[in-house]
C-alpha atoms as a PDB file:
ATOM      1  CA  VAL A   1    -304.590 108.845  52.356  1.00  0.00           C
ATOM      2  CA  LEU A   2    -308.080 110.240  52.941  1.00  0.00           C
ATOM      3  CA  GLY A   3    -307.617 110.242  56.711  1.00  0.00           C
ATOM      4  CA  LEU A   4    -304.354 112.113  56.247  1.00  0.00           C
ATOM      5  CA  LEU A   5    -306.219 114.621  54.117  1.00  0.00           C
ATOM      6  CA  VAL A   6    -308.807 115.191  56.862  1.00  0.00           C
ATOM      7  CA  TRP A   7    -306.329 116.117  59.542  1.00  0.00           C
ATOM      8  CA  THR A   8    -304.016 118.120  57.299  1.00  0.00           C
ATOM      9  CA  LEU A   9    -306.929 120.252  56.096  1.00  0.00           C
ATOM     10  CA  ILE A  10    -307.826 121.030  59.693  1.00  0.00           C
ATOM     11  CA  ALA A  11    -304.228 121.402  60.872  1.00  0.00           C
ATOM     12  CA  GLY A  12    -303.692 124.210  58.363  1.00  0.00           C
ATOM     13  CA  THR A  13    -306.273 126.360  60.132  1.00  0.00           C
ATOM     14  CA  GLU A  14    -306.723 127.869  63.589  1.00  0.00           C
ATOM     15  CA  TYR A  15    -308.519 124.729  64.778  1.00  0.00           C
ATOM     16  CA  PHE A  16    -307.174 125.106  68.331  1.00  0.00           C
ATOM     17  CA  LEU A  17    -309.590 127.991  68.880  1.00  0.00           C
ATOM     18  CA  TYR A  18    -312.549 125.609  68.441  1.00  0.00           C
ATOM     19  CA  PRO A  19    -312.779 122.528  70.702  1.00  0.00           C
ATOM     20  CA  ALA A  20    -314.918 120.655  68.166  1.00  0.00           C
ATOM     21  CA  PHE A  21    -312.105 120.674  65.633  1.00  0.00           C
ATOM     22  CA  GLY A  22    -309.736 119.469  68.337  1.00  0.00           C
ATOM     23  CA  TRP A  23    -311.910 116.365  68.686  1.00  0.00           C
ATOM     24  CA  VAL A  24    -311.920 115.831  64.925  1.00  0.00           C
ATOM     25  CA  MET A  25    -308.129 116.218  64.880  1.00  0.00           C
ATOM     26  CA  PHE A  26    -307.757 113.670  67.686  1.00  0.00           C
ATOM     27  CA  VAL A  27    -309.902 111.074  65.924  1.00  0.00           C
ATOM     28  CA  ALA A  28    -308.306 111.670  62.518  1.00  0.00           C
ATOM     29  CA  VAL A  29    -304.699 111.531  63.755  1.00  0.00           C
ATOM     30  CA  PHE A  30    -305.332 108.625  66.154  1.00  0.00           C
ATOM     31  CA  TYR A  31    -306.935 106.406  63.524  1.00  0.00           C
ATOM     32  CA  TRP A  32    -304.470 107.477  60.851  1.00  0.00           C
ATOM     33  CA  VAL A  33    -301.572 106.340  63.043  1.00  0.00           C
ATOM     34  CA  LEU A  34    -303.309 103.080  63.938  1.00  0.00           C
ATOM     35  CA  THR A  35    -304.209 102.420  60.311  1.00  0.00           C
ATOM     36  CA  VAL A  36    -300.589 102.912  59.244  1.00  0.00           C
ATOM     37  CA  PHE A  37    -299.511 100.614  62.108  1.00  0.00           C
ATOM     38  CA  PHE A  38    -301.898  97.841  61.013  1.00  0.00           C
ATOM     39  CA  LEU A  39    -300.930  98.375  57.383  1.00  0.00           C
ATOM     40  CA  ILE A  40    -297.287  97.763  58.264  1.00  0.00           C
ATOM     41  CA  ILE A  41    -298.232  94.680  60.298  1.00  0.00           C
ATOM     42  CA  TYR A  42    -300.184  93.233  57.373  1.00  0.00           C
ATOM     43  CA  MET A  43    -297.671  94.198  54.678  1.00  0.00           C
ATOM     44  CA  THR A  44    -294.771  92.625  56.583  1.00  0.00           C
ATOM     45  CA  MET A  45    -296.977  89.627  57.484  1.00  0.00           C
ATOM     46  CA  THR A  46    -296.060  90.053  61.139  1.00  0.00           C
ATOM     47  CA  TYR A  47    -299.514  88.780  62.075  1.00  0.00           C
ATOM     48  CA  THR A  48    -298.475  85.273  60.975  1.00  0.00           C
ATOM     49  CA  ARG A  49    -295.717  85.279  63.604  1.00  0.00           C
ATOM     50  CA  ILE A  50    -298.158  86.117  66.402  1.00  0.00           C
ATOM     51  CA  PRO A  51    -300.885  83.457  66.128  1.00  0.00           C
ATOM     52  CA  GLN A  52    -302.066  84.017  69.721  1.00  0.00           C
ATOM     53  CA  VAL A  53    -303.742  87.273  68.700  1.00  0.00           C
ATOM     54  CA  PRO A  54    -307.241  86.836  67.193  1.00  0.00           C
ATOM     55  CA  TRP A  55    -306.557  89.115  64.223  1.00  0.00           C
ATOM     56  CA  THR A  56    -310.056  88.892  62.772  1.00  0.00           C
ATOM     57  CA  THR A  57    -311.518  90.087  66.084  1.00  0.00           C
ATOM     58  CA  VAL A  58    -308.877  92.819  66.370  1.00  0.00           C
ATOM     59  CA  GLY A  59    -309.686  93.968  62.828  1.00  0.00           C
ATOM     60  CA  LEU A  60    -313.418  93.984  63.532  1.00  0.00           C
ATOM     61  CA  CYS A  61    -313.003  95.975  66.760  1.00  0.00           C
ATOM     62  CA  PHE A  62    -310.597  98.421  65.138  1.00  0.00           C
ATOM     63  CA  ASN A  63    -312.742  99.037  62.063  1.00  0.00           C
ATOM     64  CA  GLY A  64    -315.963  99.189  64.087  1.00  0.00           C
ATOM     65  CA  SER A  65    -314.577 101.714  66.553  1.00  0.00           C
ATOM     66  CA  ALA A  66    -313.030 103.736  63.718  1.00  0.00           C
ATOM     67  CA  PHE A  67    -316.391 103.819  61.939  1.00  0.00           C
ATOM     68  CA  VAL A  68    -318.309 104.970  65.026  1.00  0.00           C
ATOM     69  CA  LEU A  69    -315.798 107.596  66.151  1.00  0.00           C
ATOM     70  CA  TYR A  70    -315.207 108.880  62.617  1.00  0.00           C
ATOM     71  CA  LEU A  71    -318.979 109.177  62.124  1.00  0.00           C
ATOM     72  CA  ILE A  72    -319.222 111.257  65.298  1.00  0.00           C
ATOM     73  CA  ALA A  73    -316.209 113.328  64.245  1.00  0.00           C
ATOM     74  CA  ALA A  74    -317.623 113.886  60.745  1.00  0.00           C
ATOM     75  CA  VAL A  75    -320.958 115.074  62.133  1.00  0.00           C
ATOM     76  CA  VAL A  76    -319.180 117.347  64.633  1.00  0.00           C
ATOM     77  CA  ASP A  77    -316.947 118.636  61.839  1.00  0.00           C
ATOM     78  CA  ALA A  78    -319.864 119.347  59.518  1.00  0.00           C
ATOM     79  CA  SER A  79    -321.916 121.050  62.220  1.00  0.00           C
ATOM     80  CA  SER A  80    -318.962 123.230  63.284  1.00  0.00           C
ATOM     81  CA  VAL A  81    -318.218 124.663  59.842  1.00  0.00           C
ATOM     82  CA  THR A  82    -319.171 128.335  59.830  1.00  0.00           C
ATOM     83  CA  LYS A  83    -318.697 131.037  57.259  1.00  0.00           C
ATOM     84  CA  GLU A  84    -316.430 133.680  58.693  1.00  0.00           C
ATOM     85  CA  LEU A  85    -314.346 136.527  57.335  1.00  0.00           C
ATOM     86  CA  ASP A  86    -311.359 134.293  56.631  1.00  0.00           C
ATOM     87  CA  SER A  87    -312.490 132.061  53.772  1.00  0.00           C
ATOM     88  CA  HIS A  88    -309.368 129.891  54.104  1.00  0.00           C
ATOM     89  CA  ASN A  89    -310.719 128.337  57.302  1.00  0.00           C
ATOM     90  CA  TYR A  90    -314.181 127.857  55.815  1.00  0.00           C
ATOM     91  CA  ASN A  91    -312.912 126.095  52.698  1.00  0.00           C
ATOM     92  CA  SER A  92    -310.535 123.867  54.639  1.00  0.00           C
ATOM     93  CA  TRP A  93    -313.155 122.956  57.219  1.00  0.00           C
ATOM     94  CA  ALA A  94    -315.789 122.237  54.568  1.00  0.00           C
ATOM     95  CA  ALA A  95    -313.357 120.032  52.633  1.00  0.00           C
ATOM     96  CA  SER A  96    -312.296 118.229  55.808  1.00  0.00           C
ATOM     97  CA  SER A  97    -315.942 117.588  56.600  1.00  0.00           C
ATOM     98  CA  PHE A  98    -316.539 116.097  53.164  1.00  0.00           C
ATOM     99  CA  PHE A  99    -313.487 113.859  53.392  1.00  0.00           C
ATOM    100  CA  ALA A 100    -314.372 112.851  56.961  1.00  0.00           C
ATOM    101  CA  PHE A 101    -317.633 111.435  55.627  1.00  0.00           C
ATOM    102  CA  VAL A 102    -315.732 109.671  52.826  1.00  0.00           C
ATOM    103  CA  VAL A 103    -313.360 108.134  55.379  1.00  0.00           C
ATOM    104  CA  THR A 104    -316.368 107.150  57.502  1.00  0.00           C
ATOM    105  CA  SER A 105    -317.887 105.287  54.560  1.00  0.00           C
ATOM    106  CA  CYS A 106    -314.562 103.551  53.905  1.00  0.00           C
ATOM    107  CA  TYR A 107    -314.368 102.385  57.515  1.00  0.00           C
ATOM    108  CA  ALA A 108    -318.030 101.291  57.310  1.00  0.00           C
ATOM    109  CA  GLY A 109    -317.247  99.101  54.324  1.00  0.00           C
ATOM    110  CA  ASN A 110    -314.162  97.765  56.017  1.00  0.00           C
ATOM    111  CA  THR A 111    -316.211  96.999  59.141  1.00  0.00           C
ATOM    112  CA  TYR A 112    -318.671  95.027  57.032  1.00  0.00           C
ATOM    113  CA  PHE A 113    -315.923  92.958  55.434  1.00  0.00           C
ATOM    114  CA  SER A 114    -314.232  92.475  58.803  1.00  0.00           C
ATOM    115  CA  PHE A 115    -317.535  91.232  60.214  1.00  0.00           C
ATOM    116  CA  ILE A 116    -317.935  88.764  57.344  1.00  0.00           C
ATOM    117  CA  SER A 117    -314.382  87.515  57.929  1.00  0.00           C
ATOM    118  CA  TRP A 118    -314.886  87.307  61.687  1.00  0.00           C
ATOM    119  CA  ARG A 119    -318.197  85.491  61.306  1.00  0.00           C
ATOM    120  CA  SER A 120    -316.790  82.919  58.873  1.00  0.00           C
ATOM    121  CA  ARG A 121    -313.873  82.379  61.261  1.00  0.00           C
ATOM    122  CA  THR A 122    -316.174  81.770  64.259  1.00  0.00           C
ATOM    123  CA  LEU A 123    -318.448  79.377  62.360  1.00  0.00           C
ATOM    124  CA  GLN A 124    -315.605  76.984  61.606  1.00  0.00           C
END
């Protein structure tokens, strides 16, 4: 939900005029789609039907890459927010920056728990 909020706040502005917001949009939409995909896989328990895939490693790589790229996108988003004549863009960009950092912290926590799960799986 928070990732969806990030890209909808940016999509409602003239983000295409600023390449930095294009990068933030790419990261936000890409990881939102992948997160929904993995959510469906886990909710339908499809992962139990494909035991050849190391799901703990996949989860760790996904969450780790999402954390790193979202951190970069959040910093780019925050550094690109400028006060201009149209306050609608400023407010949307500032809110998207805030929520990008919230999403980054969520992926950081998820990366930590994925690492704990992956490590306990490899020690057995």
